[in-house]
PDB file of N, CA and C in Angstrom:
ATOM      1  N   MET A   1      61.956 140.906 108.616  1.00  0.00           N
ATOM      2  CA  MET A   1      62.214 139.870 107.635  1.00  0.00           C
ATOM      3  C   MET A   1      62.184 138.499 108.289  1.00  0.00           C
ATOM      4  N   SER A   2      62.250 137.513 107.451  1.00  0.00           N
ATOM      5  CA  SER A   2      62.112 136.135 107.884  1.00  0.00           C
ATOM      6  C   SER A   2      63.426 135.368 107.748  1.00  0.00           C
ATOM      7  N   ARG A   3      63.521 134.286 108.503  1.00  0.00           N
ATOM      8  CA  ARG A   3      64.691 133.417 108.396  1.00  0.00           C
ATOM      9  C   ARG A   3      64.470 132.317 107.356  1.00  0.00           C
ATOM     10  N   LEU A   4      63.301 132.261 106.742  1.00  0.00           N
ATOM     11  CA  LEU A   4      63.017 131.169 105.810  1.00  0.00           C
ATOM     12  C   LEU A   4      63.099 131.606 104.362  1.00  0.00           C
ATOM     13  N   LEU A   5      63.488 130.656 103.525  1.00  0.00           N
ATOM     14  CA  LEU A   5      63.569 130.867 102.081  1.00  0.00           C
ATOM     15  C   LEU A   5      63.021 129.622 101.403  1.00  0.00           C
ATOM     16  N   ASN A   6      62.326 129.818 100.300  1.00  0.00           N
ATOM     17  CA  ASN A   6      61.917 128.727  99.434  1.00  0.00           C
ATOM     18  C   ASN A   6      62.711 128.897  98.142  1.00  0.00           C
ATOM     19  N   ILE A   7      63.452 127.851  97.799  1.00  0.00           N
ATOM     20  CA  ILE A   7      64.436 127.957  96.724  1.00  0.00           C
ATOM     21  C   ILE A   7      64.170 126.898  95.661  1.00  0.00           C
ATOM     22  N   ASP A   8      64.286 127.270  94.417  1.00  0.00           N
ATOM     23  CA  ASP A   8      64.054 126.359  93.297  1.00  0.00           C
ATOM     24  C   ASP A   8      65.341 125.594  92.959  1.00  0.00           C
ATOM     25  N   LEU A   9      65.819 124.839  93.938  1.00  0.00           N
ATOM     26  CA  LEU A   9      66.991 123.970  93.794  1.00  0.00           C
ATOM     27  C   LEU A   9      66.796 122.752  94.691  1.00  0.00           C
ATOM     28  N   PRO A  10      67.453 121.632  94.400  1.00  0.00           N
ATOM     29  CA  PRO A  10      67.357 120.461  95.271  1.00  0.00           C
ATOM     30  C   PRO A  10      68.040 120.722  96.624  1.00  0.00           C
ATOM     31  N   PRO A  11      67.592 120.041  97.685  1.00  0.00           N
ATOM     32  CA  PRO A  11      68.173 120.239  99.014  1.00  0.00           C
ATOM     33  C   PRO A  11      69.691 120.070  99.073  1.00  0.00           C
ATOM     34  N   ALA A  12      70.249 119.136  98.338  1.00  0.00           N
ATOM     35  CA  ALA A  12      71.703 118.921  98.363  1.00  0.00           C
ATOM     36  C   ALA A  12      72.461 120.159  97.880  1.00  0.00           C
ATOM     37  N   ASP A  13      71.939 120.812  96.845  1.00  0.00           N
ATOM     38  CA  ASP A  13      72.576 122.035  96.340  1.00  0.00           C
ATOM     39  C   ASP A  13      72.490 123.171  97.355  1.00  0.00           C
ATOM     40  N   VAL A  14      71.339 123.269  98.019  1.00  0.00           N
ATOM     41  CA  VAL A  14      71.147 124.319  99.029  1.00  0.00           C
ATOM     42  C   VAL A  14      72.081 124.072 100.218  1.00  0.00           C
ATOM     43  N   GLU A  15      72.169 122.825 100.675  1.00  0.00           N
ATOM     44  CA  GLU A  15      73.071 122.498 101.788  1.00  0.00           C
ATOM     45  C   GLU A  15      74.524 122.823 101.433  1.00  0.00           C
ATOM     46  N   ARG A  16      74.920 122.507 100.220  1.00  0.00           N
ATOM     47  CA  ARG A  16      76.293 122.775  99.783  1.00  0.00           C
ATOM     48  C   ARG A  16      76.592 124.270  99.789  1.00  0.00           C
ATOM     49  N   GLN A  17      75.670 125.065  99.268  1.00  0.00           N
ATOM     50  CA  GLN A  17      75.852 126.516  99.246  1.00  0.00           C
ATOM     51  C   GLN A  17      75.898 127.095 100.662  1.00  0.00           C
ATOM     52  N   CYS A  18      75.054 126.575 101.546  1.00  0.00           N
ATOM     53  CA  CYS A  18      75.062 127.043 102.943  1.00  0.00           C
ATOM     54  C   CYS A  18      76.405 126.722 103.595  1.00  0.00           C
ATOM     55  N   ALA A  19      76.923 125.539 103.352  1.00  0.00           N
ATOM     56  CA  ALA A  19      78.219 125.151 103.918  1.00  0.00           C
ATOM     57  C   ALA A  19      79.336 126.049 103.376  1.00  0.00           C
ATOM     58  N   GLU A  20      79.304 126.348 102.086  1.00  0.00           N
ATOM     59  CA  GLU A  20      80.333 127.207 101.480  1.00  0.00           C
ATOM     60  C   GLU A  20      80.318 128.621 102.057  1.00  0.00           C
ATOM     61  N   HIS A  21      79.129 129.099 102.472  1.00  0.00           N
ATOM     62  CA  HIS A  21      78.996 130.449 103.021  1.00  0.00           C
ATOM     63  C   HIS A  21      78.948 130.445 104.551  1.00  0.00           C
ATOM     64  N   HIS A  22      79.211 129.295 105.164  1.00  0.00           N
ATOM     65  CA  HIS A  22      79.232 129.157 106.625  1.00  0.00           C
ATOM     66  C   HIS A  22      77.916 129.612 107.253  1.00  0.00           C
ATOM     67  N   VAL A  23      76.810 129.193 106.647  1.00  0.00           N
ATOM     68  CA  VAL A  23      75.476 129.528 107.127  1.00  0.00           C
ATOM     69  C   VAL A  23      74.904 128.317 107.857  1.00  0.00           C
ATOM     70  N   SER A  24      74.426 128.531 109.078  1.00  0.00           N
ATOM     71  CA  SER A  24      73.851 127.457 109.893  1.00  0.00           C
ATOM     72  C   SER A  24      72.397 127.215 109.500  1.00  0.00           C
ATOM     73  N   ILE A  25      72.050 125.941 109.331  1.00  0.00           N
ATOM     74  CA  ILE A  25      70.700 125.548 108.940  1.00  0.00           C
ATOM     75  C   ILE A  25      69.911 125.159 110.181  1.00  0.00           C
ATOM     76  N   SER A  26      68.743 125.766 110.336  1.00  0.00           N
ATOM     77  CA  SER A  26      67.833 125.397 111.414  1.00  0.00           C
ATOM     78  C   SER A  26      66.940 124.236 110.962  1.00  0.00           C
ATOM     79  N   ALA A  27      66.430 124.335 109.727  1.00  0.00           N
ATOM     80  CA  ALA A  27      65.590 123.275 109.155  1.00  0.00           C
ATOM     81  C   ALA A  27      65.705 123.339 107.639  1.00  0.00           C
ATOM     82  N   ILE A  28      65.607 122.166 107.029  1.00  0.00           N
ATOM     83  CA  ILE A  28      65.630 122.088 105.564  1.00  0.00           C
ATOM     84  C   ILE A  28      64.764 120.912 105.157  1.00  0.00           C
ATOM     85  N   GLU A  29      63.986 121.104 104.089  1.00  0.00           N
ATOM     86  CA  GLU A  29      63.132 120.017 103.610  1.00  0.00           C
ATOM     87  C   GLU A  29      62.837 120.204 102.124  1.00  0.00           C
ATOM     88  N   PRO A  30      62.646 119.105 101.425  1.00  0.00           N
ATOM     89  CA  PRO A  30      62.274 119.206 100.005  1.00  0.00           C
ATOM     90  C   PRO A  30      60.820 119.657  99.888  1.00  0.00           C
ATOM     91  N   LEU A  31      60.502 120.307  98.797  1.00  0.00           N
ATOM     92  CA  LEU A  31      59.130 120.714  98.508  1.00  0.00           C
ATOM     93  C   LEU A  31      58.537 119.781  97.461  1.00  0.00           C
ATOM     94  N   PRO A  32      57.231 119.532  97.526  1.00  0.00           N
ATOM     95  CA  PRO A  32      56.603 118.680  96.513  1.00  0.00           C
ATOM     96  C   PRO A  32      56.830 119.196  95.090  1.00  0.00           C
ATOM     97  N   SER A  33      57.016 120.497  94.933  1.00  0.00           N
ATOM     98  CA  SER A  33      57.228 121.089  93.607  1.00  0.00           C
ATOM     99  C   SER A  33      58.643 120.876  93.083  1.00  0.00           C
ATOM    100  N   GLY A  34      59.530 120.341  93.937  1.00  0.00           N
ATOM    101  CA  GLY A  34      60.896 120.084  93.522  1.00  0.00           C
ATOM    102  C   GLY A  34      61.912 121.045  94.085  1.00  0.00           C
ATOM    103  N   GLY A  35      61.489 122.049  94.801  1.00  0.00           N
ATOM    104  CA  GLY A  35      62.411 123.005  95.403  1.00  0.00           C
ATOM    105  C   GLY A  35      62.776 122.607  96.824  1.00  0.00           C
ATOM    106  N   THR A  36      63.266 123.587  97.585  1.00  0.00           N
ATOM    107  CA  THR A  36      63.712 123.350  98.957  1.00  0.00           C
ATOM    108  C   THR A  36      63.201 124.458  99.865  1.00  0.00           C
ATOM    109  N   HIS A  37      62.730 124.061 101.044  1.00  0.00           N
ATOM    110  CA  HIS A  37      62.332 124.989 102.103  1.00  0.00           C
ATOM    111  C   HIS A  37      63.499 125.051 103.081  1.00  0.00           C
ATOM    112  N   LEU A  38      64.086 126.229 103.261  1.00  0.00           N
ATOM    113  CA  LEU A  38      65.259 126.418 104.112  1.00  0.00           C
ATOM    114  C   LEU A  38      64.940 127.419 105.207  1.00  0.00           C
ATOM    115  N   VAL A  39      65.304 127.071 106.443  1.00  0.00           N
ATOM    116  CA  VAL A  39      65.212 128.003 107.563  1.00  0.00           C
ATOM    117  C   VAL A  39      66.618 128.150 108.128  1.00  0.00           C
ATOM    118  N   CYS A  40      67.141 129.360 108.101  1.00  0.00           N
ATOM    119  CA  CYS A  40      68.476 129.645 108.633  1.00  0.00           C
ATOM    120  C   CYS A  40      68.377 129.931 110.129  1.00  0.00           C
ATOM    121  N   VAL A  41      69.465 129.726 110.841  1.00  0.00           N
ATOM    122  CA  VAL A  41      69.489 129.975 112.284  1.00  0.00           C
ATOM    123  C   VAL A  41      69.384 131.470 112.577  1.00  0.00           C
ATOM    124  N   ARG A  42      70.093 132.270 111.815  1.00  0.00           N
ATOM    125  CA  ARG A  42      70.134 133.711 112.076  1.00  0.00           C
ATOM    126  C   ARG A  42      69.547 134.497 110.907  1.00  0.00           C
ATOM    127  N   PHE A  43      68.882 135.586 111.233  1.00  0.00           N
ATOM    128  CA  PHE A  43      68.295 136.462 110.227  1.00  0.00           C
ATOM    129  C   PHE A  43      69.349 136.956 109.240  1.00  0.00           C
ATOM    130  N   GLU A  44      70.518 137.327 109.753  1.00  0.00           N
ATOM    131  CA  GLU A  44      71.583 137.845 108.896  1.00  0.00           C
ATOM    132  C   GLU A  44      72.048 136.804 107.882  1.00  0.00           C
ATOM    133  N   GLU A  45      72.072 135.544 108.311  1.00  0.00           N
ATOM    134  CA  GLU A  45      72.453 134.462 107.394  1.00  0.00           C
ATOM    135  C   GLU A  45      71.399 134.290 106.299  1.00  0.00           C
ATOM    136  N   ALA A  46      70.141 134.417 106.667  1.00  0.00           N
ATOM    137  CA  ALA A  46      69.059 134.312 105.677  1.00  0.00           C
ATOM    138  C   ALA A  46      69.179 135.431 104.640  1.00  0.00           C
ATOM    139  N   GLU A  47      69.515 136.631 105.095  1.00  0.00           N
ATOM    140  CA  GLU A  47      69.692 137.745 104.165  1.00  0.00           C
ATOM    141  C   GLU A  47      70.844 137.472 103.195  1.00  0.00           C
ATOM    142  N   GLU A  48      71.926 136.904 103.708  1.00  0.00           N
ATOM    143  CA  GLU A  48      73.069 136.555 102.848  1.00  0.00           C
ATOM    144  C   GLU A  48      72.659 135.530 101.800  1.00  0.00           C
ATOM    145  N   MET A  49      71.891 134.513 102.231  1.00  0.00           N
ATOM    146  CA  MET A  49      71.483 133.469 101.295  1.00  0.00           C
ATOM    147  C   MET A  49      70.454 133.982 100.283  1.00  0.00           C
ATOM    148  N   ARG A  50      69.685 134.987 100.647  1.00  0.00           N
ATOM    149  CA  ARG A  50      68.779 135.601  99.668  1.00  0.00           C
ATOM    150  C   ARG A  50      69.574 136.198  98.509  1.00  0.00           C
ATOM    151  N   GLN A  51      70.711 136.751  98.822  1.00  0.00           N
ATOM    152  CA  GLN A  51      71.559 137.304  97.765  1.00  0.00           C
ATOM    153  C   GLN A  51      72.182 136.182  96.933  1.00  0.00           C
ATOM    154  N   VAL A  52      72.628 135.126  97.600  1.00  0.00           N
ATOM    155  CA  VAL A  52      73.243 133.989  96.898  1.00  0.00           C
ATOM    156  C   VAL A  52      72.236 133.336  95.948  1.00  0.00           C
ATOM    157  N   PHE A  53      70.993 133.146  96.418  1.00  0.00           N
ATOM    158  CA  PHE A  53      69.963 132.458  95.638  1.00  0.00           C
ATOM    159  C   PHE A  53      68.998 133.427  94.949  1.00  0.00           C
ATOM    160  N   SER A  54      69.409 134.654  94.733  1.00  0.00           N
ATOM    161  CA  SER A  54      68.500 135.689  94.227  1.00  0.00           C
ATOM    162  C   SER A  54      67.725 135.270  92.976  1.00  0.00           C
ATOM    163  N   GLY A  55      68.322 134.551  92.087  1.00  0.00           N
ATOM    164  CA  GLY A  55      67.635 134.131  90.871  1.00  0.00           C
ATOM    165  C   GLY A  55      66.827 132.856  91.019  1.00  0.00           C
ATOM    166  N   LYS A  56      66.901 132.209  92.180  1.00  0.00           N
ATOM    167  CA  LYS A  56      66.238 130.929  92.386  1.00  0.00           C
ATOM    168  C   LYS A  56      65.179 130.942  93.490  1.00  0.00           C
ATOM    169  N   LEU A  57      64.879 132.111  94.054  1.00  0.00           N
ATOM    170  CA  LEU A  57      63.893 132.195  95.128  1.00  0.00           C
ATOM    171  C   LEU A  57      62.488 131.987  94.582  1.00  0.00           C
ATOM    172  N   ILE A  58      61.686 131.247  95.315  1.00  0.00           N
ATOM    173  CA  ILE A  58      60.291 131.009  94.949  1.00  0.00           C
ATOM    174  C   ILE A  58      59.445 132.034  95.699  1.00  0.00           C
ATOM    175  N   ALA A  59      58.673 132.824  94.964  1.00  0.00           N
ATOM    176  CA  ALA A  59      57.823 133.846  95.576  1.00  0.00           C
ATOM    177  C   ALA A  59      56.469 133.249  95.957  1.00  0.00           C
ATOM    178  N   GLY A  60      55.871 133.808  96.987  1.00  0.00           N
ATOM    179  CA  GLY A  60      54.526 133.398  97.386  1.00  0.00           C
ATOM    180  C   GLY A  60      54.511 132.174  98.279  1.00  0.00           C
ATOM    181  N   ILE A  61      53.329 131.652  98.466  1.00  0.00           N
ATOM    182  CA  ILE A  61      53.111 130.497  99.343  1.00  0.00           C
ATOM    183  C   ILE A  61      53.403 129.217  98.568  1.00  0.00           C
ATOM    184  N   VAL A  62      54.108 128.294  99.210  1.00  0.00           N
ATOM    185  CA  VAL A  62      54.403 127.008  98.583  1.00  0.00           C
ATOM    186  C   VAL A  62      53.778 125.884  99.394  1.00  0.00           C
ATOM    187  N   ARG A  63      53.471 124.804  98.712  1.00  0.00           N
ATOM    188  CA  ARG A  63      52.929 123.624  99.372  1.00  0.00           C
ATOM    189  C   ARG A  63      54.083 122.827  99.943  1.00  0.00           C
ATOM    190  N   ARG A  64      53.930 122.356 101.190  1.00  0.00           N
ATOM    191  CA  ARG A  64      54.961 121.548 101.845  1.00  0.00           C
ATOM    192  C   ARG A  64      54.382 120.189 102.197  1.00  0.00           C
ATOM    193  N   TYR A  65      55.257 119.205 102.405  1.00  0.00           N
ATOM    194  CA  TYR A  65      54.816 117.890 102.839  1.00  0.00           C
ATOM    195  C   TYR A  65      54.343 117.956 104.291  1.00  0.00           C
ATOM    196  N   PRO A  66      53.230 117.295 104.619  1.00  0.00           N
ATOM    197  CA  PRO A  66      52.819 117.255 106.025  1.00  0.00           C
ATOM    198  C   PRO A  66      53.700 116.285 106.807  1.00  0.00           C
ATOM    199  N   PHE A  67      54.024 116.618 108.036  1.00  0.00           N
ATOM    200  CA  PHE A  67      54.774 115.755 108.944  1.00  0.00           C
ATOM    201  C   PHE A  67      56.131 115.342 108.416  1.00  0.00           C
ATOM    202  N   TYR A  68      56.811 116.250 107.765  1.00  0.00           N
ATOM    203  CA  TYR A  68      58.155 115.933 107.247  1.00  0.00           C
ATOM    204  C   TYR A  68      59.166 115.953 108.390  1.00  0.00           C
ATOM    205  N   ARG A  69      59.977 114.914 108.483  1.00  0.00           N
ATOM    206  CA  ARG A  69      61.018 114.857 109.511  1.00  0.00           C
ATOM    207  C   ARG A  69      62.367 114.782 108.815  1.00  0.00           C
ATOM    208  N   ALA A  70      63.122 115.843 108.960  1.00  0.00           N
ATOM    209  CA  ALA A  70      64.426 115.934 108.288  1.00  0.00           C
ATOM    210  C   ALA A  70      65.492 115.160 109.043  1.00  0.00           C
ATOM    211  N   ARG A  71      66.428 114.615 108.291  1.00  0.00           N
ATOM    212  CA  ARG A  71      67.606 113.976 108.875  1.00  0.00           C
ATOM    213  C   ARG A  71      68.808 114.752 108.392  1.00  0.00           C
ATOM    214  N   GLY A  72      69.707 115.079 109.293  1.00  0.00           N
ATOM    215  CA  GLY A  72      70.878 115.812 108.875  1.00  0.00           C
ATOM    216  C   GLY A  72      71.853 116.031 110.013  1.00  0.00           C
ATOM    217  N   PRO A  73      73.031 116.489 109.678  1.00  0.00           N
ATOM    218  CA  PRO A  73      74.077 116.685 110.679  1.00  0.00           C
ATOM    219  C   PRO A  73      73.939 117.986 111.456  1.00  0.00           C
ATOM    220  N   TRP A  74      73.014 118.860 111.118  1.00  0.00           N
ATOM    221  CA  TRP A  74      72.894 120.139 111.793  1.00  0.00           C
ATOM    222  C   TRP A  74      72.080 119.954 113.008  1.00  0.00           C
TER     223      TRP A  74
END
């Protein structure tokens, strides 16, 4: 399995949910489609977040911004 998830929610909502579940973020970025690309530090954390976001996961390949540089406290 993968540590990445594409979620149909804004980045702020995803960050809040990760903080509530004590999940460490490796990378996070907005998607042009309006969702969020999330990479968790640990595989187990990604599996937990798949359950949390089960109804909001984006299936398949998504378009991402080129050269996106995230700013954040992680």
